[in-house]
Amino acid sequence: MNDAELDLGEDATLLLVDDDDAFLKRLAKAMEKRGFDVEMAATVAEGKAMAAARPPAYAVCDLRLEDGNGLDVVEVLRDKRPDCRIVVLTGYGAIATAVAAVKIGATDYLSKPADATDITNALLSRGDTLPPPPDNPMSADRVRWEHIQRVYEMCDRNVSETARRLNMHRRTLQRILAKRSPR
């Protein structure tokens, strides 16, 4: 899909919520070039206020922000504008958080680094077609990490309860959770 073919509809408003200032400005500039009417927020509080005051047609929201969880912004967007197309971005990709984002109302979920083209394609995709299978499936370490993340989310991010359910020492679990996901 090239820039000339973009069909943004009558309302091209886009809310970007990310606490990485450099990334936020670059993405805003790239999305404006594609025809979006961009507003930026750097915190959950700003994102929720903008979503409530002027619900956009499109939104891109980082999952982990300095003042909280980006899914809180997604909930406000879903309440104020149910037809909003929302993409959740994160540097900490996990199946559990992707599932949580989609259940709350996100249209898609992308791991960073995602570029403006990936984000635009996710915002505008309307098909129910399945993506092709991955060229490089997850490693066994990654599958284990994903399972731990899923159980952690199911336990409402309670480390002690998660450790009990996984039959694992709490400190061992804390060390695993503190690390980035394996490749």
N, C-alpha and C. Protein backbone atom coordinates (compact mmCIF):
# COMPACT_ATOMS: atom_id res chain seq x y z
N MET A 1 0.86 -1.18 0.00
CA MET A 1 0.00 0.00 0.00
C MET A 1 0.90 1.23 0.00
N ASN A 2 0.83 2.05 -1.04
CA ASN A 2 1.64 3.26 -1.01
C ASN A 2 0.81 4.44 -0.54
N ASP A 3 1.50 5.56 -0.28
CA ASP A 3 0.84 6.71 0.32
C ASP A 3 -0.32 7.26 -0.51
N ALA A 4 -0.23 7.14 -1.83
CA ALA A 4 -1.28 7.69 -2.69
C ALA A 4 -2.56 6.86 -2.60
N GLU A 5 -2.46 5.59 -2.22
CA GLU A 5 -3.62 4.71 -2.17
C GLU A 5 -4.35 4.71 -0.84
N LEU A 6 -3.82 5.38 0.17
CA LEU A 6 -4.41 5.31 1.50
C LEU A 6 -5.83 5.85 1.51
N ASP A 7 -6.72 5.05 2.05
CA ASP A 7 -8.11 5.46 2.22
C ASP A 7 -8.35 5.58 3.72
N LEU A 8 -8.19 6.80 4.23
CA LEU A 8 -8.32 7.03 5.66
C LEU A 8 -9.76 7.29 6.07
N GLY A 9 -10.64 7.44 5.10
CA GLY A 9 -12.03 7.76 5.42
C GLY A 9 -12.19 9.26 5.62
N GLU A 10 -13.38 9.65 6.05
CA GLU A 10 -13.66 11.07 6.25
C GLU A 10 -12.94 11.64 7.46
N ASP A 11 -12.74 10.82 8.47
CA ASP A 11 -12.09 11.25 9.70
C ASP A 11 -10.70 10.61 9.76
N ALA A 12 -9.65 11.42 9.63
CA ALA A 12 -8.28 10.92 9.63
C ALA A 12 -7.56 11.27 10.92
N THR A 13 -8.32 11.51 12.00
CA THR A 13 -7.68 11.86 13.27
C THR A 13 -6.95 10.66 13.85
N LEU A 14 -5.75 10.91 14.37
CA LEU A 14 -4.90 9.86 14.91
C LEU A 14 -4.28 10.34 16.22
N LEU A 15 -4.45 9.55 17.26
CA LEU A 15 -3.84 9.83 18.55
C LEU A 15 -2.64 8.89 18.73
N LEU A 16 -1.46 9.48 18.96
CA LEU A 16 -0.25 8.72 19.24
C LEU A 16 0.10 8.88 20.71
N VAL A 17 0.26 7.77 21.42
CA VAL A 17 0.61 7.82 22.85
C VAL A 17 1.87 6.99 23.06
N ASP A 18 2.98 7.68 23.38
CA ASP A 18 4.26 7.02 23.61
C ASP A 18 5.14 7.93 24.44
N ASP A 19 5.90 7.36 25.38
CA ASP A 19 6.76 8.19 26.23
C ASP A 19 8.17 8.35 25.67
N ASP A 20 8.46 7.73 24.53
CA ASP A 20 9.75 7.91 23.85
C ASP A 20 9.59 9.11 22.92
N ASP A 21 10.07 10.27 23.37
CA ASP A 21 9.83 11.53 22.68
C ASP A 21 10.34 11.52 21.23
N ALA A 22 11.56 11.01 21.02
CA ALA A 22 12.13 10.99 19.67
C ALA A 22 11.28 10.11 18.74
N PHE A 23 10.91 8.92 19.21
CA PHE A 23 10.08 8.01 18.41
C PHE A 23 8.73 8.65 18.12
N LEU A 24 8.14 9.27 19.14
CA LEU A 24 6.83 9.90 19.00
C LEU A 24 6.84 10.97 17.92
N LYS A 25 7.84 11.83 17.93
CA LYS A 25 7.94 12.91 16.94
C LYS A 25 8.18 12.37 15.53
N ARG A 26 9.07 11.37 15.40
CA ARG A 26 9.32 10.77 14.09
C ARG A 26 8.06 10.12 13.53
N LEU A 27 7.37 9.36 14.39
CA LEU A 27 6.15 8.68 13.94
C LEU A 27 5.08 9.70 13.57
N ALA A 28 4.93 10.75 14.36
CA ALA A 28 3.93 11.78 14.06
C ALA A 28 4.19 12.41 12.70
N LYS A 29 5.44 12.72 12.43
CA LYS A 29 5.81 13.33 11.14
C LYS A 29 5.50 12.38 9.98
N ALA A 30 5.86 11.11 10.16
CA ALA A 30 5.61 10.11 9.11
C ALA A 30 4.13 9.90 8.87
N MET A 31 3.34 9.89 9.95
CA MET A 31 1.90 9.67 9.80
C MET A 31 1.21 10.90 9.19
N GLU A 32 1.69 12.09 9.50
CA GLU A 32 1.15 13.31 8.87
C GLU A 32 1.40 13.28 7.37
N LYS A 33 2.57 12.79 6.95
CA LYS A 33 2.88 12.67 5.52
C LYS A 33 1.92 11.71 4.83
N ARG A 34 1.38 10.76 5.57
CA ARG A 34 0.44 9.78 5.03
C ARG A 34 -1.00 10.30 5.04
N GLY A 35 -1.20 11.50 5.57
CA GLY A 35 -2.53 12.10 5.54
C GLY A 35 -3.29 12.11 6.85
N PHE A 36 -2.69 11.60 7.92
CA PHE A 36 -3.37 11.59 9.21
C PHE A 36 -3.30 12.97 9.87
N ASP A 37 -4.33 13.28 10.66
CA ASP A 37 -4.38 14.50 11.47
C ASP A 37 -3.96 14.07 12.88
N VAL A 38 -2.68 14.31 13.23
CA VAL A 38 -2.05 13.71 14.40
C VAL A 38 -2.11 14.58 15.65
N GLU A 39 -2.42 13.92 16.77
CA GLU A 39 -2.28 14.50 18.11
C GLU A 39 -1.36 13.57 18.88
N MET A 40 -0.50 14.16 19.76
CA MET A 40 0.47 13.36 20.50
C MET A 40 0.25 13.48 22.01
N ALA A 41 0.50 12.38 22.71
CA ALA A 41 0.47 12.36 24.17
C ALA A 41 1.65 11.52 24.65
N ALA A 42 2.26 11.93 25.76
CA ALA A 42 3.44 11.23 26.28
C ALA A 42 3.14 10.41 27.54
N THR A 43 1.91 10.53 28.07
CA THR A 43 1.58 9.81 29.30
C THR A 43 0.18 9.20 29.18
N VAL A 44 -0.11 8.27 30.09
CA VAL A 44 -1.44 7.67 30.14
C VAL A 44 -2.47 8.76 30.43
N ALA A 45 -2.16 9.64 31.37
CA ALA A 45 -3.09 10.70 31.75
C ALA A 45 -3.43 11.61 30.56
N GLU A 46 -2.39 12.03 29.81
CA GLU A 46 -2.63 12.87 28.62
C GLU A 46 -3.44 12.11 27.58
N GLY A 47 -3.07 10.86 27.34
CA GLY A 47 -3.77 10.04 26.35
C GLY A 47 -5.24 9.86 26.69
N LYS A 48 -5.53 9.58 27.97
CA LYS A 48 -6.93 9.41 28.40
C LYS A 48 -7.70 10.71 28.25
N ALA A 49 -7.07 11.84 28.60
CA ALA A 49 -7.74 13.14 28.49
C ALA A 49 -8.05 13.46 27.03
N MET A 50 -7.09 13.24 26.13
CA MET A 50 -7.32 13.50 24.71
C MET A 50 -8.36 12.56 24.13
N ALA A 51 -8.31 11.29 24.53
CA ALA A 51 -9.27 10.30 24.04
C ALA A 51 -10.68 10.65 24.48
N ALA A 52 -10.82 11.18 25.68
CA ALA A 52 -12.15 11.53 26.20
C ALA A 52 -12.66 12.82 25.56
N ALA A 53 -11.76 13.79 25.37
CA ALA A 53 -12.17 15.10 24.84
C ALA A 53 -12.44 15.06 23.33
N ARG A 54 -11.55 14.41 22.58
CA ARG A 54 -11.67 14.36 21.13
C ARG A 54 -11.34 12.94 20.65
N PRO A 55 -12.27 12.00 20.78
CA PRO A 55 -11.98 10.62 20.40
C PRO A 55 -11.60 10.52 18.91
N PRO A 56 -10.40 10.00 18.63
CA PRO A 56 -9.93 9.92 17.24
C PRO A 56 -10.49 8.70 16.50
N ALA A 57 -10.33 8.71 15.19
CA ALA A 57 -10.72 7.57 14.37
C ALA A 57 -9.67 6.46 14.46
N TYR A 58 -8.41 6.87 14.73
CA TYR A 58 -7.29 5.94 14.80
C TYR A 58 -6.46 6.26 16.03
N ALA A 59 -5.79 5.24 16.57
CA ALA A 59 -4.89 5.46 17.71
C ALA A 59 -3.76 4.44 17.68
N VAL A 60 -2.59 4.90 18.12
CA VAL A 60 -1.43 4.04 18.31
C VAL A 60 -0.95 4.31 19.72
N CYS A 61 -0.90 3.26 20.53
CA CYS A 61 -0.62 3.44 21.95
C CYS A 61 0.46 2.47 22.42
N ASP A 62 1.49 3.01 23.06
CA ASP A 62 2.53 2.19 23.65
C ASP A 62 1.94 1.48 24.87
N LEU A 63 2.38 0.27 25.11
CA LEU A 63 1.83 -0.50 26.23
C LEU A 63 2.37 -0.03 27.57
N ARG A 64 3.67 0.14 27.66
CA ARG A 64 4.28 0.55 28.93
C ARG A 64 4.69 2.01 28.86
N LEU A 65 4.05 2.81 29.68
CA LEU A 65 4.35 4.23 29.76
C LEU A 65 4.81 4.55 31.17
N GLU A 66 5.50 5.68 31.32
CA GLU A 66 6.07 6.03 32.64
C GLU A 66 5.02 6.07 33.73
N ASP A 67 3.81 6.54 33.41
CA ASP A 67 2.80 6.69 34.46
C ASP A 67 1.74 5.58 34.46
N GLY A 68 2.01 4.48 33.76
CA GLY A 68 1.05 3.39 33.81
C GLY A 68 1.01 2.54 32.56
N ASN A 69 -0.14 1.92 32.34
CA ASN A 69 -0.34 0.97 31.27
C ASN A 69 -1.16 1.61 30.14
N GLY A 70 -0.68 1.50 28.92
CA GLY A 70 -1.36 2.06 27.77
C GLY A 70 -2.73 1.46 27.51
N LEU A 71 -3.00 0.27 28.08
CA LEU A 71 -4.31 -0.35 27.89
C LEU A 71 -5.40 0.49 28.55
N ASP A 72 -5.03 1.32 29.53
CA ASP A 72 -6.00 2.23 30.15
C ASP A 72 -6.51 3.24 29.13
N VAL A 73 -5.63 3.67 28.23
CA VAL A 73 -6.02 4.60 27.16
C VAL A 73 -6.93 3.87 26.17
N VAL A 74 -6.59 2.62 25.87
CA VAL A 74 -7.40 1.82 24.94
C VAL A 74 -8.82 1.68 25.47
N GLU A 75 -8.97 1.46 26.77
CA GLU A 75 -10.32 1.33 27.36
C GLU A 75 -11.13 2.61 27.18
N VAL A 76 -10.50 3.76 27.41
CA VAL A 76 -11.20 5.04 27.24
C VAL A 76 -11.60 5.23 25.77
N LEU A 77 -10.68 4.92 24.87
CA LEU A 77 -10.98 5.03 23.43
C LEU A 77 -12.17 4.14 23.06
N ARG A 78 -12.18 2.91 23.54
CA ARG A 78 -13.26 1.98 23.23
C ARG A 78 -14.60 2.49 23.76
N ASP A 79 -14.58 3.08 24.96
CA ASP A 79 -15.81 3.63 25.55
C ASP A 79 -16.32 4.83 24.76
N LYS A 80 -15.41 5.73 24.39
CA LYS A 80 -15.81 6.99 23.75
C LYS A 80 -16.06 6.84 22.26
N ARG A 81 -15.34 5.93 21.62
CA ARG A 81 -15.49 5.75 20.18
C ARG A 81 -15.27 4.29 19.81
N PRO A 82 -16.33 3.51 19.83
CA PRO A 82 -16.21 2.07 19.59
C PRO A 82 -15.62 1.69 18.23
N ASP A 83 -15.74 2.57 17.24
CA ASP A 83 -15.23 2.24 15.90
C ASP A 83 -13.77 2.65 15.71
N CYS A 84 -13.11 3.16 16.73
CA CYS A 84 -11.71 3.58 16.65
C CYS A 84 -10.83 2.37 16.33
N ARG A 85 -9.92 2.55 15.38
CA ARG A 85 -8.96 1.50 15.02
C ARG A 85 -7.71 1.73 15.86
N ILE A 86 -7.38 0.78 16.73
CA ILE A 86 -6.31 0.97 17.71
C ILE A 86 -5.21 -0.07 17.53
N VAL A 87 -3.97 0.40 17.47
CA VAL A 87 -2.81 -0.48 17.43
C VAL A 87 -2.01 -0.25 18.71
N VAL A 88 -1.70 -1.34 19.40
CA VAL A 88 -0.89 -1.27 20.61
C VAL A 88 0.54 -1.64 20.24
N LEU A 89 1.49 -0.80 20.67
CA LEU A 89 2.92 -1.04 20.42
C LEU A 89 3.61 -1.38 21.72
N THR A 90 4.62 -2.23 21.65
CA THR A 90 5.42 -2.48 22.84
C THR A 90 6.79 -3.01 22.50
N GLY A 91 7.74 -2.70 23.35
CA GLY A 91 9.07 -3.26 23.24
C GLY A 91 9.18 -4.56 24.01
N TYR A 92 8.11 -4.93 24.72
CA TYR A 92 8.09 -6.13 25.55
C TYR A 92 7.02 -7.07 25.03
N GLY A 93 7.17 -7.54 23.80
CA GLY A 93 6.14 -8.36 23.18
C GLY A 93 5.92 -9.67 23.90
N ALA A 94 4.68 -9.94 24.23
CA ALA A 94 4.31 -11.21 24.86
C ALA A 94 2.90 -11.56 24.40
N ILE A 95 2.66 -12.84 24.23
CA ILE A 95 1.35 -13.29 23.79
C ILE A 95 0.26 -12.85 24.76
N ALA A 96 0.55 -12.93 26.06
CA ALA A 96 -0.46 -12.58 27.06
C ALA A 96 -0.89 -11.12 26.94
N THR A 97 0.07 -10.23 26.75
CA THR A 97 -0.29 -8.81 26.64
C THR A 97 -0.99 -8.54 25.30
N ALA A 98 -0.60 -9.26 24.27
CA ALA A 98 -1.28 -9.10 22.98
C ALA A 98 -2.75 -9.52 23.10
N VAL A 99 -2.97 -10.64 23.77
CA VAL A 99 -4.34 -11.12 23.97
C VAL A 99 -5.13 -10.11 24.80
N ALA A 100 -4.52 -9.60 25.87
CA ALA A 100 -5.19 -8.61 26.72
C ALA A 100 -5.54 -7.36 25.91
N ALA A 101 -4.62 -6.90 25.06
CA ALA A 101 -4.85 -5.71 24.24
C ALA A 101 -6.02 -5.92 23.29
N VAL A 102 -6.07 -7.07 22.65
CA VAL A 102 -7.14 -7.35 21.69
C VAL A 102 -8.48 -7.53 22.41
N LYS A 103 -8.47 -8.19 23.57
CA LYS A 103 -9.71 -8.36 24.33
C LYS A 103 -10.29 -7.02 24.75
N ILE A 104 -9.41 -6.09 25.10
CA ILE A 104 -9.86 -4.76 25.54
C ILE A 104 -10.37 -3.93 24.37
N GLY A 105 -9.95 -4.27 23.15
CA GLY A 105 -10.48 -3.56 22.00
C GLY A 105 -9.46 -3.09 21.00
N ALA A 106 -8.19 -3.44 21.16
CA ALA A 106 -7.19 -3.05 20.17
C ALA A 106 -7.45 -3.82 18.87
N THR A 107 -7.19 -3.16 17.76
CA THR A 107 -7.36 -3.78 16.46
C THR A 107 -6.19 -4.70 16.16
N ASP A 108 -4.98 -4.27 16.58
CA ASP A 108 -3.78 -5.04 16.31
C ASP A 108 -2.74 -4.74 17.38
N TYR A 109 -1.67 -5.50 17.35
CA TYR A 109 -0.63 -5.42 18.36
C TYR A 109 0.68 -5.61 17.63
N LEU A 110 1.61 -4.66 17.76
CA LEU A 110 2.89 -4.75 17.09
C LEU A 110 4.03 -4.61 18.09
N SER A 111 5.09 -5.38 17.89
CA SER A 111 6.28 -5.24 18.72
C SER A 111 7.18 -4.17 18.12
N LYS A 112 7.83 -3.41 19.00
CA LYS A 112 8.82 -2.44 18.54
C LYS A 112 10.08 -3.20 18.19
N PRO A 113 10.85 -2.77 17.24
CA PRO A 113 10.63 -1.56 16.47
C PRO A 113 9.66 -1.80 15.31
N ALA A 114 8.62 -1.02 15.26
CA ALA A 114 7.67 -1.05 14.14
C ALA A 114 7.80 0.29 13.44
N ASP A 115 7.81 0.27 12.12
CA ASP A 115 7.93 1.53 11.41
C ASP A 115 6.55 2.05 11.00
N ALA A 116 6.53 3.24 10.43
CA ALA A 116 5.26 3.89 10.07
C ALA A 116 4.47 3.05 9.07
N THR A 117 5.14 2.35 8.18
CA THR A 117 4.44 1.53 7.19
C THR A 117 3.73 0.36 7.88
N ASP A 118 4.43 -0.32 8.80
CA ASP A 118 3.81 -1.42 9.55
C ASP A 118 2.58 -0.92 10.31
N ILE A 119 2.74 0.23 10.95
CA ILE A 119 1.66 0.78 11.77
C ILE A 119 0.47 1.19 10.89
N THR A 120 0.76 1.84 9.77
CA THR A 120 -0.31 2.25 8.85
C THR A 120 -1.05 1.03 8.33
N ASN A 121 -0.32 -0.01 7.93
CA ASN A 121 -0.95 -1.23 7.43
C ASN A 121 -1.84 -1.87 8.50
N ALA A 122 -1.37 -1.87 9.75
CA ALA A 122 -2.16 -2.44 10.84
C ALA A 122 -3.42 -1.60 11.10
N LEU A 123 -3.28 -0.28 11.05
CA LEU A 123 -4.44 0.60 11.29
C LEU A 123 -5.50 0.44 10.21
N LEU A 124 -5.06 0.24 8.98
CA LEU A 124 -5.99 0.23 7.85
C LEU A 124 -6.43 -1.16 7.41
N SER A 125 -5.84 -2.22 7.97
CA SER A 125 -6.21 -3.56 7.54
C SER A 125 -7.64 -3.87 7.97
N ARG A 126 -8.41 -4.36 7.08
CA ARG A 126 -9.82 -4.66 7.35
C ARG A 126 -10.13 -6.14 7.15
N GLY A 127 -9.20 -6.85 6.54
CA GLY A 127 -9.47 -8.24 6.21
C GLY A 127 -9.34 -9.17 7.40
N ASP A 128 -9.97 -10.30 7.29
CA ASP A 128 -9.87 -11.33 8.31
C ASP A 128 -8.92 -12.43 7.85
N THR A 129 -8.09 -12.12 6.85
CA THR A 129 -7.17 -13.12 6.34
C THR A 129 -6.06 -13.35 7.35
N LEU A 130 -5.65 -14.60 7.45
CA LEU A 130 -4.57 -14.94 8.37
C LEU A 130 -3.24 -14.56 7.76
N PRO A 131 -2.29 -14.12 8.59
CA PRO A 131 -0.96 -13.83 8.06
C PRO A 131 -0.25 -15.13 7.71
N PRO A 132 0.77 -15.06 6.85
CA PRO A 132 1.50 -16.28 6.51
C PRO A 132 2.24 -16.80 7.74
N PRO A 133 2.54 -18.10 7.78
CA PRO A 133 3.26 -18.63 8.93
C PRO A 133 4.64 -17.99 9.03
N PRO A 134 5.20 -17.92 10.24
CA PRO A 134 6.49 -17.25 10.40
C PRO A 134 7.62 -18.03 9.75
N ASP A 135 8.59 -17.30 9.23
CA ASP A 135 9.77 -17.94 8.65
C ASP A 135 10.67 -18.48 9.76
N ASN A 136 10.62 -17.80 10.91
CA ASN A 136 11.45 -18.22 12.04
C ASN A 136 10.58 -18.38 13.28
N PRO A 137 10.07 -19.60 13.52
CA PRO A 137 9.20 -19.82 14.67
C PRO A 137 9.93 -19.56 15.99
N MET A 138 9.15 -19.40 17.07
CA MET A 138 9.72 -19.11 18.38
C MET A 138 10.60 -20.25 18.87
N SER A 139 11.66 -19.86 19.58
CA SER A 139 12.53 -20.85 20.20
C SER A 139 11.82 -21.43 21.43
N ALA A 140 12.34 -22.55 21.93
CA ALA A 140 11.76 -23.16 23.12
C ALA A 140 11.85 -22.20 24.31
N ASP A 141 12.95 -21.45 24.43
CA ASP A 141 13.08 -20.47 25.52
C ASP A 141 12.01 -19.39 25.41
N ARG A 142 11.75 -18.98 24.19
CA ARG A 142 10.74 -17.94 23.98
C ARG A 142 9.34 -18.48 24.33
N VAL A 143 9.05 -19.71 23.94
CA VAL A 143 7.75 -20.32 24.26
C VAL A 143 7.57 -20.40 25.77
N ARG A 144 8.62 -20.80 26.49
CA ARG A 144 8.58 -20.87 27.95
C ARG A 144 8.29 -19.48 28.53
N TRP A 145 9.02 -18.49 28.03
CA TRP A 145 8.86 -17.11 28.51
C TRP A 145 7.43 -16.62 28.26
N GLU A 146 6.89 -16.92 27.08
CA GLU A 146 5.53 -16.51 26.74
C GLU A 146 4.53 -17.16 27.70
N HIS A 147 4.73 -18.45 28.02
CA HIS A 147 3.83 -19.14 28.95
C HIS A 147 3.88 -18.47 30.32
N ILE A 148 5.07 -18.17 30.79
CA ILE A 148 5.21 -17.51 32.10
C ILE A 148 4.49 -16.16 32.07
N GLN A 149 4.65 -15.41 31.00
CA GLN A 149 3.98 -14.10 30.87
C GLN A 149 2.46 -14.25 30.88
N ARG A 150 1.96 -15.29 30.20
CA ARG A 150 0.52 -15.51 30.15
C ARG A 150 -0.04 -15.82 31.53
N VAL A 151 0.64 -16.70 32.26
CA VAL A 151 0.19 -17.04 33.62
C VAL A 151 0.28 -15.81 34.52
N TYR A 152 1.34 -15.03 34.37
CA TYR A 152 1.53 -13.80 35.15
C TYR A 152 0.37 -12.83 34.92
N GLU A 153 -0.04 -12.67 33.67
CA GLU A 153 -1.18 -11.79 33.35
C GLU A 153 -2.48 -12.37 33.90
N MET A 154 -2.64 -13.70 33.83
CA MET A 154 -3.85 -14.34 34.34
C MET A 154 -3.97 -14.17 35.86
N CYS A 155 -2.82 -14.02 36.53
CA CYS A 155 -2.80 -13.84 37.99
C CYS A 155 -2.80 -12.34 38.34
N ASP A 156 -3.24 -11.51 37.42
CA ASP A 156 -3.29 -10.06 37.63
C ASP A 156 -1.94 -9.50 38.06
N ARG A 157 -0.87 -10.02 37.45
CA ARG A 157 0.48 -9.53 37.68
C ARG A 157 0.92 -9.68 39.14
N ASN A 158 0.42 -10.71 39.80
CA ASN A 158 0.80 -11.02 41.17
C ASN A 158 1.91 -12.07 41.12
N VAL A 159 3.13 -11.65 41.52
CA VAL A 159 4.30 -12.52 41.41
C VAL A 159 4.16 -13.76 42.29
N SER A 160 3.71 -13.59 43.53
CA SER A 160 3.61 -14.73 44.45
C SER A 160 2.63 -15.78 43.93
N GLU A 161 1.46 -15.33 43.48
CA GLU A 161 0.45 -16.26 42.95
C GLU A 161 0.96 -16.95 41.69
N THR A 162 1.63 -16.19 40.81
CA THR A 162 2.17 -16.77 39.58
C THR A 162 3.21 -17.83 39.90
N ALA A 163 4.12 -17.52 40.83
CA ALA A 163 5.15 -18.48 41.22
C ALA A 163 4.52 -19.76 41.78
N ARG A 164 3.48 -19.61 42.60
CA ARG A 164 2.80 -20.77 43.17
C ARG A 164 2.20 -21.63 42.06
N ARG A 165 1.53 -20.99 41.10
CA ARG A 165 0.88 -21.76 40.02
C ARG A 165 1.89 -22.43 39.09
N LEU A 166 3.04 -21.81 38.93
CA LEU A 166 4.07 -22.38 38.05
C LEU A 166 5.00 -23.32 38.80
N ASN A 167 4.75 -23.48 40.13
CA ASN A 167 5.60 -24.33 40.96
C ASN A 167 7.06 -23.88 40.85
N MET A 168 7.27 -22.60 41.06
CA MET A 168 8.57 -21.97 40.87
C MET A 168 8.84 -21.06 42.07
N HIS A 169 10.09 -20.90 42.43
CA HIS A 169 10.42 -19.99 43.53
C HIS A 169 10.14 -18.55 43.08
N ARG A 170 9.61 -17.75 44.01
CA ARG A 170 9.22 -16.37 43.70
C ARG A 170 10.40 -15.55 43.17
N ARG A 171 11.59 -15.70 43.76
CA ARG A 171 12.76 -14.92 43.32
C ARG A 171 13.19 -15.33 41.92
N THR A 172 13.10 -16.60 41.62
CA THR A 172 13.43 -17.08 40.27
C THR A 172 12.48 -16.43 39.26
N LEU A 173 11.20 -16.42 39.59
CA LEU A 173 10.21 -15.79 38.72
C LEU A 173 10.51 -14.30 38.55
N GLN A 174 10.86 -13.62 39.63
CA GLN A 174 11.15 -12.19 39.54
C GLN A 174 12.33 -11.94 38.61
N ARG A 175 13.36 -12.79 38.67
CA ARG A 175 14.51 -12.63 37.76
C ARG A 175 14.08 -12.82 36.31
N ILE A 176 13.24 -13.82 36.06
CA ILE A 176 12.76 -14.07 34.69
C ILE A 176 11.95 -12.88 34.18
N LEU A 177 11.06 -12.36 35.03
CA LEU A 177 10.21 -11.23 34.63
C LEU A 177 11.00 -9.96 34.39
N ALA A 178 12.13 -9.81 35.08
CA ALA A 178 12.92 -8.59 34.94
C ALA A 178 13.71 -8.56 33.63
N LYS A 179 13.92 -9.71 33.02
CA LYS A 179 14.70 -9.79 31.79
C LYS A 179 13.81 -9.53 30.58
N ARG A 180 14.45 -9.12 29.49
CA ARG A 180 13.74 -8.99 28.22
C ARG A 180 13.45 -10.39 27.67
N SER A 181 12.49 -10.47 26.77
CA SER A 181 12.11 -11.76 26.23
C SER A 181 13.26 -12.36 25.39
N PRO A 182 13.43 -13.67 25.46
CA PRO A 182 14.45 -14.32 24.61
C PRO A 182 13.99 -14.29 23.16
N ARG A 183 14.91 -14.40 22.26
CA ARG A 183 14.60 -14.36 20.82
C ARG A 183 14.12 -15.68 20.32
